[in-house]
């Protein structure tokens, strides 16, 4: 099975996010990763990387590392950042039943990440935040990512 697997380092600026995501999506298409999985992964990585850059990175010169593996039976990615410890999975789900006027701002991004991905795991290791995402193709529910 064809696989695209990479480790990319980027500066903590929003300008570098679309470059990384465009490259990842193109590589995924070349190895036959389903377009829907690539789209979901792109949306989640965009949301999470913007949050790291805007709220977690100690400076624009900080380096964020993104590992990813893309193949026909699923996609996997890990974001590693040097920011202060922060587990986004510890946040409660927003109350989406409330009207927009009554809703507390924020929290929708990680809510969508949790809903779109099959696995989302946070770990703090070696002074880095690590957030792993995985999604399997519908035809491959037992695939290990």
C-alpha atoms as a PDB file:
ATOM      1  CA  UNK A   1       0.000   0.000   0.000  1.00  0.00           C
ATOM      2  CA  UNK A   2       1.343   3.414  -0.977  1.00  0.00           C
ATOM      3  CA  UNK A   3       2.062   5.744   1.911  1.00  0.00           C
ATOM      4  CA  UNK A   4       3.022   9.392   2.224  1.00  0.00           C
ATOM      5  CA  UNK A   5       4.828   9.925   5.502  1.00  0.00           C
ATOM      6  CA  UNK A   6       6.615  13.102   6.533  1.00  0.00           C
ATOM      7  CA  UNK A   7       7.886  15.189   9.387  1.00  0.00           C
ATOM      8  CA  UNK A   8       7.626  18.921   8.755  1.00  0.00           C
ATOM      9  CA  UNK A   9       8.920  21.735  10.928  1.00  0.00           C
ATOM     10  CA  UNK A  10       7.266  25.117  10.683  1.00  0.00           C
ATOM     11  CA  UNK A  11       7.655  28.434  12.435  1.00  0.00           C
ATOM     12  CA  UNK A  12       4.754  29.389  14.679  1.00  0.00           C
ATOM     13  CA  UNK A  13       3.096  31.706  12.167  1.00  0.00           C
ATOM     14  CA  UNK A  14      -0.248  31.328  10.431  1.00  0.00           C
ATOM     15  CA  UNK A  15       1.420  31.983   7.040  1.00  0.00           C
ATOM     16  CA  UNK A  16       3.048  28.546   7.089  1.00  0.00           C
ATOM     17  CA  UNK A  17      -0.126  26.578   7.842  1.00  0.00           C
ATOM     18  CA  UNK A  18      -1.728  26.598   4.358  1.00  0.00           C
ATOM     19  CA  UNK A  19       1.617  25.694   2.743  1.00  0.00           C
ATOM     20  CA  UNK A  20       1.887  22.609   4.950  1.00  0.00           C
ATOM     21  CA  UNK A  21      -1.768  21.651   4.458  1.00  0.00           C
ATOM     22  CA  UNK A  22      -1.652  22.066   0.659  1.00  0.00           C
ATOM     23  CA  UNK A  23       1.437  19.864   0.468  1.00  0.00           C
ATOM     24  CA  UNK A  24      -0.088  17.229   2.745  1.00  0.00           C
ATOM     25  CA  UNK A  25      -3.338  17.135   0.785  1.00  0.00           C
ATOM     26  CA  UNK A  26      -1.512  16.802  -2.559  1.00  0.00           C
ATOM     27  CA  UNK A  27       0.659  13.980  -1.238  1.00  0.00           C
ATOM     28  CA  UNK A  28      -2.381  12.201   0.172  1.00  0.00           C
ATOM     29  CA  UNK A  29      -4.087  12.334  -3.207  1.00  0.00           C
ATOM     30  CA  UNK A  30      -1.008  10.834  -4.846  1.00  0.00           C
ATOM     31  CA  UNK A  31      -1.091   7.767  -2.578  1.00  0.00           C
ATOM     32  CA  UNK A  32      -4.841   7.242  -2.821  1.00  0.00           C
ATOM     33  CA  UNK A  33      -5.920   8.549   0.577  1.00  0.00           C
ATOM     34  CA  UNK A  34      -9.680   9.199   0.367  1.00  0.00           C
ATOM     35  CA  UNK A  35     -10.517  12.839  -0.345  1.00  0.00           C
ATOM     36  CA  UNK A  36     -13.000  12.948   2.557  1.00  0.00           C
ATOM     37  CA  UNK A  37     -10.353  11.813   5.039  1.00  0.00           C
ATOM     38  CA  UNK A  38      -7.869  14.340   3.712  1.00  0.00           C
ATOM     39  CA  UNK A  39     -10.462  17.100   3.942  1.00  0.00           C
ATOM     40  CA  UNK A  40     -11.338  16.178   7.545  1.00  0.00           C
ATOM     41  CA  UNK A  41      -7.664  15.990   8.518  1.00  0.00           C
ATOM     42  CA  UNK A  42      -6.954  19.322   6.843  1.00  0.00           C
ATOM     43  CA  UNK A  43      -9.827  21.020   8.685  1.00  0.00           C
ATOM     44  CA  UNK A  44      -8.696  19.603  12.040  1.00  0.00           C
ATOM     45  CA  UNK A  45      -5.017  20.432  11.536  1.00  0.00           C
ATOM     46  CA  UNK A  46      -5.877  23.951  10.420  1.00  0.00           C
ATOM     47  CA  UNK A  47      -7.968  24.540  13.539  1.00  0.00           C
ATOM     48  CA  UNK A  48      -5.395  23.045  15.895  1.00  0.00           C
ATOM     49  CA  UNK A  49      -2.354  24.699  14.321  1.00  0.00           C
ATOM     50  CA  UNK A  50      -4.006  28.125  14.367  1.00  0.00           C
ATOM     51  CA  UNK A  51      -4.751  27.604  18.068  1.00  0.00           C
ATOM     52  CA  UNK A  52      -1.147  26.594  18.785  1.00  0.00           C
ATOM     53  CA  UNK A  53       0.191  29.613  16.899  1.00  0.00           C
ATOM     54  CA  UNK A  54      -2.260  32.092  18.426  1.00  0.00           C
ATOM     55  CA  UNK A  55      -2.404  30.807  22.000  1.00  0.00           C
ATOM     56  CA  UNK A  56       0.335  28.306  22.747  1.00  0.00           C
ATOM     57  CA  UNK A  57       3.542  29.075  20.914  1.00  0.00           C
ATOM     58  CA  UNK A  58       6.027  31.038  23.012  1.00  0.00           C
ATOM     59  CA  UNK A  59       7.092  33.169  20.007  1.00  0.00           C
ATOM     60  CA  UNK A  60       6.731  33.308  16.208  1.00  0.00           C
ATOM     61  CA  UNK A  61      10.239  31.870  15.988  1.00  0.00           C
ATOM     62  CA  UNK A  62       9.161  28.752  17.929  1.00  0.00           C
ATOM     63  CA  UNK A  63       9.182  25.556  15.911  1.00  0.00           C
ATOM     64  CA  UNK A  64       6.074  23.397  15.611  1.00  0.00           C
ATOM     65  CA  UNK A  65       6.610  19.900  14.266  1.00  0.00           C
ATOM     66  CA  UNK A  66       3.914  18.060  12.349  1.00  0.00           C
ATOM     67  CA  UNK A  67       4.272  14.359  11.604  1.00  0.00           C
ATOM     68  CA  UNK A  68       1.783  12.766   9.234  1.00  0.00           C
ATOM     69  CA  UNK A  69       1.089   9.468   7.525  1.00  0.00           C
ATOM     70  CA  UNK A  70      -1.449   9.222   4.713  1.00  0.00           C
ATOM     71  CA  UNK A  71      -2.630   6.075   2.975  1.00  0.00           C
ATOM     72  CA  UNK A  72      -5.726   4.561   1.393  1.00  0.00           C
ATOM     73  CA  UNK A  73      -7.003   3.015   4.638  1.00  0.00           C
ATOM     74  CA  UNK A  74      -6.544   6.053   6.858  1.00  0.00           C
ATOM     75  CA  UNK A  75      -4.726   9.206   7.872  1.00  0.00           C
ATOM     76  CA  UNK A  76      -2.689  10.023  10.987  1.00  0.00           C
ATOM     77  CA  UNK A  77      -1.024  13.205  12.212  1.00  0.00           C
ATOM     78  CA  UNK A  78       0.740  14.493  15.304  1.00  0.00           C
ATOM     79  CA  UNK A  79       1.350  18.109  16.263  1.00  0.00           C
ATOM     80  CA  UNK A  80       4.286  18.716  18.601  1.00  0.00           C
ATOM     81  CA  UNK A  81       4.689  22.176  20.093  1.00  0.00           C
ATOM     82  CA  UNK A  82       6.969  23.731  22.738  1.00  0.00           C
ATOM     83  CA  UNK A  83       4.229  25.776  24.394  1.00  0.00           C
ATOM     84  CA  UNK A  84       3.144  25.559  28.016  1.00  0.00           C
ATOM     85  CA  UNK A  85       1.294  22.371  28.986  1.00  0.00           C
ATOM     86  CA  UNK A  86      -2.233  22.436  27.632  1.00  0.00           C
ATOM     87  CA  UNK A  87      -4.552  19.502  27.041  1.00  0.00           C
ATOM     88  CA  UNK A  88      -7.326  20.695  24.717  1.00  0.00           C
ATOM     89  CA  UNK A  89      -9.183  17.443  25.387  1.00  0.00           C
ATOM     90  CA  UNK A  90      -9.669  18.522  29.007  1.00  0.00           C
ATOM     91  CA  UNK A  91     -12.076  21.230  27.847  1.00  0.00           C
ATOM     92  CA  UNK A  92     -15.763  20.376  28.130  1.00  0.00           C
ATOM     93  CA  UNK A  93     -17.843  20.210  24.976  1.00  0.00           C
ATOM     94  CA  UNK A  94     -19.677  23.472  24.301  1.00  0.00           C
ATOM     95  CA  UNK A  95     -23.423  23.482  24.754  1.00  0.00           C
ATOM     96  CA  UNK A  96     -24.408  23.591  21.093  1.00  0.00           C
ATOM     97  CA  UNK A  97     -28.084  23.715  22.034  1.00  0.00           C
ATOM     98  CA  UNK A  98     -27.741  27.279  23.355  1.00  0.00           C
ATOM     99  CA  UNK A  99     -28.420  30.236  21.104  1.00  0.00           C
ATOM    100  CA  UNK A 100     -25.384  32.100  19.779  1.00  0.00           C
ATOM    101  CA  UNK A 101     -26.130  34.974  22.168  1.00  0.00           C
ATOM    102  CA  UNK A 102     -26.063  32.628  25.187  1.00  0.00           C
ATOM    103  CA  UNK A 103     -23.081  30.537  24.154  1.00  0.00           C
ATOM    104  CA  UNK A 104     -19.631  31.087  25.681  1.00  0.00           C
ATOM    105  CA  UNK A 105     -17.144  31.920  22.890  1.00  0.00           C
ATOM    106  CA  UNK A 106     -14.582  29.281  21.996  1.00  0.00           C
ATOM    107  CA  UNK A 107     -14.420  25.529  22.262  1.00  0.00           C
ATOM    108  CA  UNK A 108     -16.074  24.689  18.952  1.00  0.00           C
ATOM    109  CA  UNK A 109     -12.797  23.835  17.212  1.00  0.00           C
ATOM    110  CA  UNK A 110     -11.820  20.974  19.504  1.00  0.00           C
ATOM    111  CA  UNK A 111     -15.464  19.877  19.514  1.00  0.00           C
ATOM    112  CA  UNK A 112     -15.321  19.452  15.732  1.00  0.00           C
ATOM    113  CA  UNK A 113     -11.922  17.740  15.946  1.00  0.00           C
ATOM    114  CA  UNK A 114     -13.366  15.203  18.395  1.00  0.00           C
ATOM    115  CA  UNK A 115     -16.348  14.582  16.099  1.00  0.00           C
ATOM    116  CA  UNK A 116     -14.378  14.315  12.847  1.00  0.00           C
ATOM    117  CA  UNK A 117     -11.502  12.099  13.979  1.00  0.00           C
ATOM    118  CA  UNK A 118     -11.692   8.468  15.159  1.00  0.00           C
ATOM    119  CA  UNK A 119      -8.883   9.031  17.667  1.00  0.00           C
ATOM    120  CA  UNK A 120      -7.586  12.169  19.360  1.00  0.00           C
ATOM    121  CA  UNK A 121      -4.906  11.740  22.028  1.00  0.00           C
ATOM    122  CA  UNK A 122      -3.001  14.376  24.014  1.00  0.00           C
ATOM    123  CA  UNK A 123       0.287  13.742  25.768  1.00  0.00           C
ATOM    124  CA  UNK A 124       2.823  15.993  27.459  1.00  0.00           C
ATOM    125  CA  UNK A 125       6.284  14.499  26.989  1.00  0.00           C
ATOM    126  CA  UNK A 126       9.809  15.928  27.066  1.00  0.00           C
ATOM    127  CA  UNK A 127       8.527  19.511  27.604  1.00  0.00           C
ATOM    128  CA  UNK A 128       6.329  19.322  24.486  1.00  0.00           C
ATOM    129  CA  UNK A 129       2.603  19.106  23.874  1.00  0.00           C
ATOM    130  CA  UNK A 130       1.753  16.227  21.535  1.00  0.00           C
ATOM    131  CA  UNK A 131      -1.663  15.904  19.972  1.00  0.00           C
ATOM    132  CA  UNK A 132      -2.278  12.857  17.777  1.00  0.00           C
ATOM    133  CA  UNK A 133      -5.177  12.485  15.356  1.00  0.00           C
ATOM    134  CA  UNK A 134      -6.264   9.455  13.375  1.00  0.00           C
ATOM    135  CA  UNK A 135      -9.121   8.606  11.068  1.00  0.00           C
ATOM    136  CA  UNK A 136      -9.717   5.313   9.290  1.00  0.00           C
ATOM    137  CA  UNK A 137     -11.421   4.850   5.960  1.00  0.00           C
ATOM    138  CA  UNK A 138     -14.985   3.598   6.290  1.00  0.00           C
ATOM    139  CA  UNK A 139     -14.049   0.411   4.424  1.00  0.00           C
ATOM    140  CA  UNK A 140     -11.223  -0.263   6.883  1.00  0.00           C
ATOM    141  CA  UNK A 141     -12.592  -0.101  10.448  1.00  0.00           C
ATOM    142  CA  UNK A 142      -9.827  -2.309  11.832  1.00  0.00           C
ATOM    143  CA  UNK A 143      -6.900  -0.434  10.310  1.00  0.00           C
ATOM    144  CA  UNK A 144      -4.193   0.482  12.790  1.00  0.00           C
ATOM    145  CA  UNK A 145      -2.970   4.024  12.587  1.00  0.00           C
END
